[in-house]
Amino acid sequence: MEFSNTEVITLLSLVTGSFVATNMDNLLILVVLLGANSRRRSAVLLGFICSCIAVICVAALGVAVGSMLGAGLIGYLGVIPLALGCHMLYKSWAGHHGEDEALNAPSNSTEPKIWLSTFVLMLSNSGDSIAVFLPLLAESGRAAILVIVCSYLAMAVLWAGLSYMISGQRELARRIEHRAEKIVPWIMIGVGIYILMDTATDTLV
């Protein structure tokens, strides 16, 4: 299946927006971990990249298992990112914001330990990413899945580089967090609506 330029741009925009929306908290955690492990930053970044690969694998596995339910039913998983976005809006309006956690690794940790701890931490904090990308993959053809996976991994590398750049600028990280609280819920809601609308279109066809 060939894509038009508009379809490619739409898909890339969805992946980029979804990645940013579901990894803003991971960016802040990465900044803290890089600051706490200044001599072993490569292990921290590698752990993050591996967790992103694991997210794609888990989402793909979920699609494979869920395919037995039929494409029409899988598409309604778009309710998940929609519900997450609404919940985040509610928390924002209610004024309940999560406080930053102090994530300090022992200075004498070896690189394998730092890599593993970063991988486990990031993967355990990526439930929202799986919830968003599982229905997105389920509603896509093979060519679209290739675009999604490649762009997702490209965003992971970009995120690692961005966290490395701002790891020494805590004030900038706080500003990013403040603005993210306002726009991230709307991105999640938009992705959920897109998936649900695409499912309705497929059902009619």
Protein backbone atom coordinates (compact mmCIF):
# COMPACT_ATOMS: atom_id res chain seq x y z
CA MET A 1 0.00 0.00 0.00
CA GLU A 2 1.33 3.42 -0.98
CA PHE A 3 0.78 6.56 1.07
CA SER A 4 0.08 10.05 -0.15
CA ASN A 5 2.20 12.85 1.28
CA THR A 6 -0.76 13.99 3.37
CA GLU A 7 -1.21 10.53 4.90
CA VAL A 8 2.49 10.26 5.73
CA ILE A 9 2.49 13.69 7.36
CA THR A 10 -0.64 12.83 9.34
CA LEU A 11 0.86 9.56 10.55
CA LEU A 12 4.18 11.17 11.49
CA SER A 13 2.32 13.92 13.35
CA LEU A 14 0.33 11.32 15.29
CA VAL A 15 3.42 9.34 16.26
CA THR A 16 5.35 12.46 17.23
CA GLY A 17 2.48 13.86 19.27
CA SER A 18 1.81 10.52 20.94
CA PHE A 19 5.47 10.02 21.82
CA VAL A 20 5.79 13.50 23.30
CA ALA A 21 2.55 13.12 25.25
CA THR A 22 3.48 9.77 26.77
CA ASN A 23 7.18 10.42 27.38
CA MET A 24 7.26 13.89 28.90
CA ASP A 25 7.56 12.39 32.38
CA ASN A 26 10.30 10.06 31.12
CA LEU A 27 12.20 13.07 29.81
CA LEU A 28 12.24 14.62 33.27
CA ILE A 29 13.28 11.32 34.85
CA LEU A 30 16.07 10.97 32.29
CA VAL A 31 17.36 14.44 33.11
CA VAL A 32 17.56 13.51 36.80
CA LEU A 33 19.22 10.15 36.11
CA LEU A 34 21.80 11.73 33.81
CA GLY A 35 22.62 14.29 36.47
CA ALA A 36 23.01 11.57 39.10
CA ASN A 37 25.19 9.39 36.85
CA SER A 38 27.32 11.94 35.04
CA ARG A 39 30.13 9.42 34.44
CA ARG A 40 27.86 6.69 33.08
CA ARG A 41 25.41 8.61 30.94
CA SER A 42 25.70 6.15 28.07
CA ALA A 43 24.29 3.38 30.29
CA VAL A 44 21.31 5.57 31.24
CA LEU A 45 20.56 6.51 27.63
CA LEU A 46 20.95 2.91 26.46
CA GLY A 47 18.50 1.77 29.12
CA PHE A 48 15.96 4.32 27.88
CA ILE A 49 16.37 3.32 24.22
CA CYS A 50 15.96 -0.35 25.11
CA SER A 51 12.79 0.43 27.07
CA CYS A 52 11.35 2.15 23.97
CA ILE A 53 12.13 -0.93 21.88
CA ALA A 54 10.42 -3.05 24.54
CA VAL A 55 7.32 -0.82 24.39
CA ILE A 56 7.02 -1.43 20.65
CA CYS A 57 7.48 -5.19 21.15
CA VAL A 58 4.84 -5.34 23.90
CA ALA A 59 2.40 -3.29 21.80
CA ALA A 60 3.01 -5.53 18.78
CA LEU A 61 2.45 -8.62 20.92
CA GLY A 62 -0.79 -7.11 22.17
CA VAL A 63 -1.90 -6.53 18.59
CA ALA A 64 -1.06 -10.12 17.64
CA VAL A 65 -3.02 -11.52 20.57
CA GLY A 66 -5.89 -9.10 20.11
CA SER A 67 -6.20 -9.80 16.39
CA MET A 68 -8.25 -12.86 17.32
CA LEU A 69 -10.98 -10.46 18.45
CA GLY A 70 -11.28 -8.85 15.03
CA ALA A 71 -10.05 -5.48 13.74
CA GLY A 72 -13.31 -3.71 14.53
CA LEU A 73 -13.14 -4.50 18.24
CA ILE A 74 -9.42 -3.75 18.53
CA GLY A 75 -9.93 -0.28 17.09
CA TYR A 76 -12.13 0.66 20.02
CA LEU A 77 -9.01 0.50 22.19
CA GLY A 78 -8.79 4.15 21.12
CA VAL A 79 -10.99 4.71 24.16
CA ILE A 80 -7.87 4.12 26.31
CA PRO A 81 -5.81 7.18 25.24
CA LEU A 82 -9.03 9.22 25.16
CA ALA A 83 -9.80 8.23 28.75
CA LEU A 84 -6.19 8.88 29.82
CA GLY A 85 -6.33 12.36 28.32
CA CYS A 86 -9.64 13.15 30.05
CA HIS A 87 -8.24 11.86 33.35
CA MET A 88 -5.15 14.05 32.97
CA LEU A 89 -7.36 17.07 32.25
CA TYR A 90 -9.39 16.35 35.36
CA LYS A 91 -6.25 16.13 37.49
CA SER A 92 -4.95 19.36 35.98
CA TRP A 93 -8.16 21.25 36.60
CA ALA A 94 -8.44 19.82 40.11
CA GLY A 95 -4.94 21.08 40.82
CA HIS A 96 -3.49 17.68 41.70
CA HIS A 97 -0.06 17.56 40.14
CA GLY A 98 2.48 14.86 40.84
CA GLU A 99 5.63 16.03 42.53
CA ASP A 100 9.06 15.26 41.19
CA GLU A 101 10.67 12.20 42.68
CA ALA A 102 14.26 12.11 43.72
CA LEU A 103 15.86 9.44 41.59
CA ASN A 104 19.43 9.05 42.63
CA ALA A 105 21.47 6.02 41.76
CA PRO A 106 24.43 5.08 43.95
CA SER A 107 27.61 6.65 42.64
CA ASN A 108 29.40 3.31 42.76
CA SER A 109 26.84 1.50 40.56
CA THR A 110 28.27 -0.39 37.61
CA GLU A 111 27.13 0.29 34.06
CA PRO A 112 25.09 -2.96 33.79
CA LYS A 113 23.26 -2.09 37.02
CA ILE A 114 22.55 1.45 35.83
CA TRP A 115 21.38 0.18 32.45
CA LEU A 116 19.09 -2.41 34.02
CA SER A 117 17.63 -0.04 36.61
CA THR A 118 16.99 2.61 33.95
CA PHE A 119 15.40 0.04 31.63
CA VAL A 120 13.08 -1.31 34.34
CA LEU A 121 12.16 2.17 35.57
CA MET A 122 11.36 3.51 32.10
CA LEU A 123 9.45 0.41 31.02
CA SER A 124 7.37 0.39 34.20
CA ASN A 125 6.57 4.05 33.56
CA SER A 126 5.50 3.42 29.95
CA GLY A 127 2.06 1.92 30.43
CA ASP A 128 0.50 4.96 28.79
CA SER A 129 2.79 4.56 25.78
CA ILE A 130 1.67 0.95 25.33
CA ALA A 131 -1.97 1.99 25.76
CA VAL A 132 -1.62 4.57 22.98
CA PHE A 133 0.54 2.68 20.47
CA LEU A 134 -1.24 -0.67 20.74
CA PRO A 135 -4.48 0.57 19.09
CA LEU A 136 -2.48 2.76 16.70
CA LEU A 137 -0.57 -0.29 15.45
CA ALA A 138 -3.74 -2.37 15.38
CA GLU A 139 -5.44 0.10 13.06
CA SER A 140 -2.51 0.29 10.63
CA GLY A 141 -1.39 -1.74 7.63
CA ARG A 142 2.12 -3.13 7.19
CA ALA A 143 3.50 -0.04 5.48
CA ALA A 144 2.01 2.22 8.15
CA ILE A 145 3.41 0.03 10.93
CA LEU A 146 6.89 0.38 9.43
CA VAL A 147 6.50 4.17 9.42
CA ILE A 148 5.21 4.13 13.01
CA VAL A 149 8.04 1.95 14.34
CA CYS A 150 10.80 3.87 12.53
CA SER A 151 9.47 7.27 13.57
CA TYR A 152 8.93 6.06 17.15
CA LEU A 153 12.53 4.88 17.42
CA ALA A 154 13.75 8.11 15.81
CA MET A 155 11.82 10.05 18.46
CA ALA A 156 13.41 7.87 21.16
CA VAL A 157 16.89 8.81 19.91
CA LEU A 158 15.86 12.47 19.71
CA TRP A 159 14.47 12.28 23.26
CA ALA A 160 17.73 10.80 24.52
CA GLY A 161 19.70 13.60 22.88
CA LEU A 162 17.34 16.26 24.25
CA SER A 163 17.58 14.90 27.78
CA TYR A 164 21.37 14.89 27.48
CA MET A 165 21.35 18.54 26.41
CA ILE A 166 19.16 19.78 29.25
CA SER A 167 20.48 17.46 31.98
CA GLY A 168 22.49 20.32 33.43
CA GLN A 169 19.62 22.84 33.25
CA ARG A 170 17.04 21.95 35.92
CA GLU A 171 15.11 25.22 35.50
CA LEU A 172 14.50 24.44 31.83
CA ALA A 173 13.21 20.98 32.79
CA ARG A 174 10.71 22.54 35.20
CA ARG A 175 9.45 24.90 32.51
CA ILE A 176 8.95 21.99 30.12
CA GLU A 177 6.99 20.12 32.79
CA HIS A 178 4.77 23.15 33.46
CA ARG A 179 3.84 23.58 29.80
CA ALA A 180 3.45 19.84 29.23
CA GLU A 181 0.75 19.65 31.90
CA LYS A 182 -1.40 21.92 29.73
CA ILE A 183 -0.97 20.41 26.25
CA VAL A 184 -0.31 16.69 26.84
CA PRO A 185 -3.94 15.79 27.78
CA TRP A 186 -5.22 17.33 24.54
CA ILE A 187 -2.71 15.33 22.48
CA MET A 188 -3.87 12.11 24.15
CA ILE A 189 -7.52 12.98 23.50
CA GLY A 190 -6.76 13.79 19.87
CA VAL A 191 -5.02 10.44 19.31
CA GLY A 192 -7.93 8.58 20.90
CA ILE A 193 -10.48 10.38 18.72
CA TYR A 194 -8.42 9.68 15.59
CA ILE A 195 -8.27 5.95 16.34
CA LEU A 196 -12.00 5.77 17.09
CA MET A 197 -12.92 7.70 13.94
CA ASP A 198 -10.65 5.48 11.85
CA THR A 199 -12.34 2.41 13.34
CA ALA A 200 -15.80 3.74 12.49
CA THR A 201 -14.67 4.37 8.90
CA ASP A 202 -13.27 0.84 8.57
CA THR A 203 -16.53 -0.59 9.91
CA LEU A 204 -18.58 1.28 7.32
CA VAL A 205 -16.28 0.09 4.55
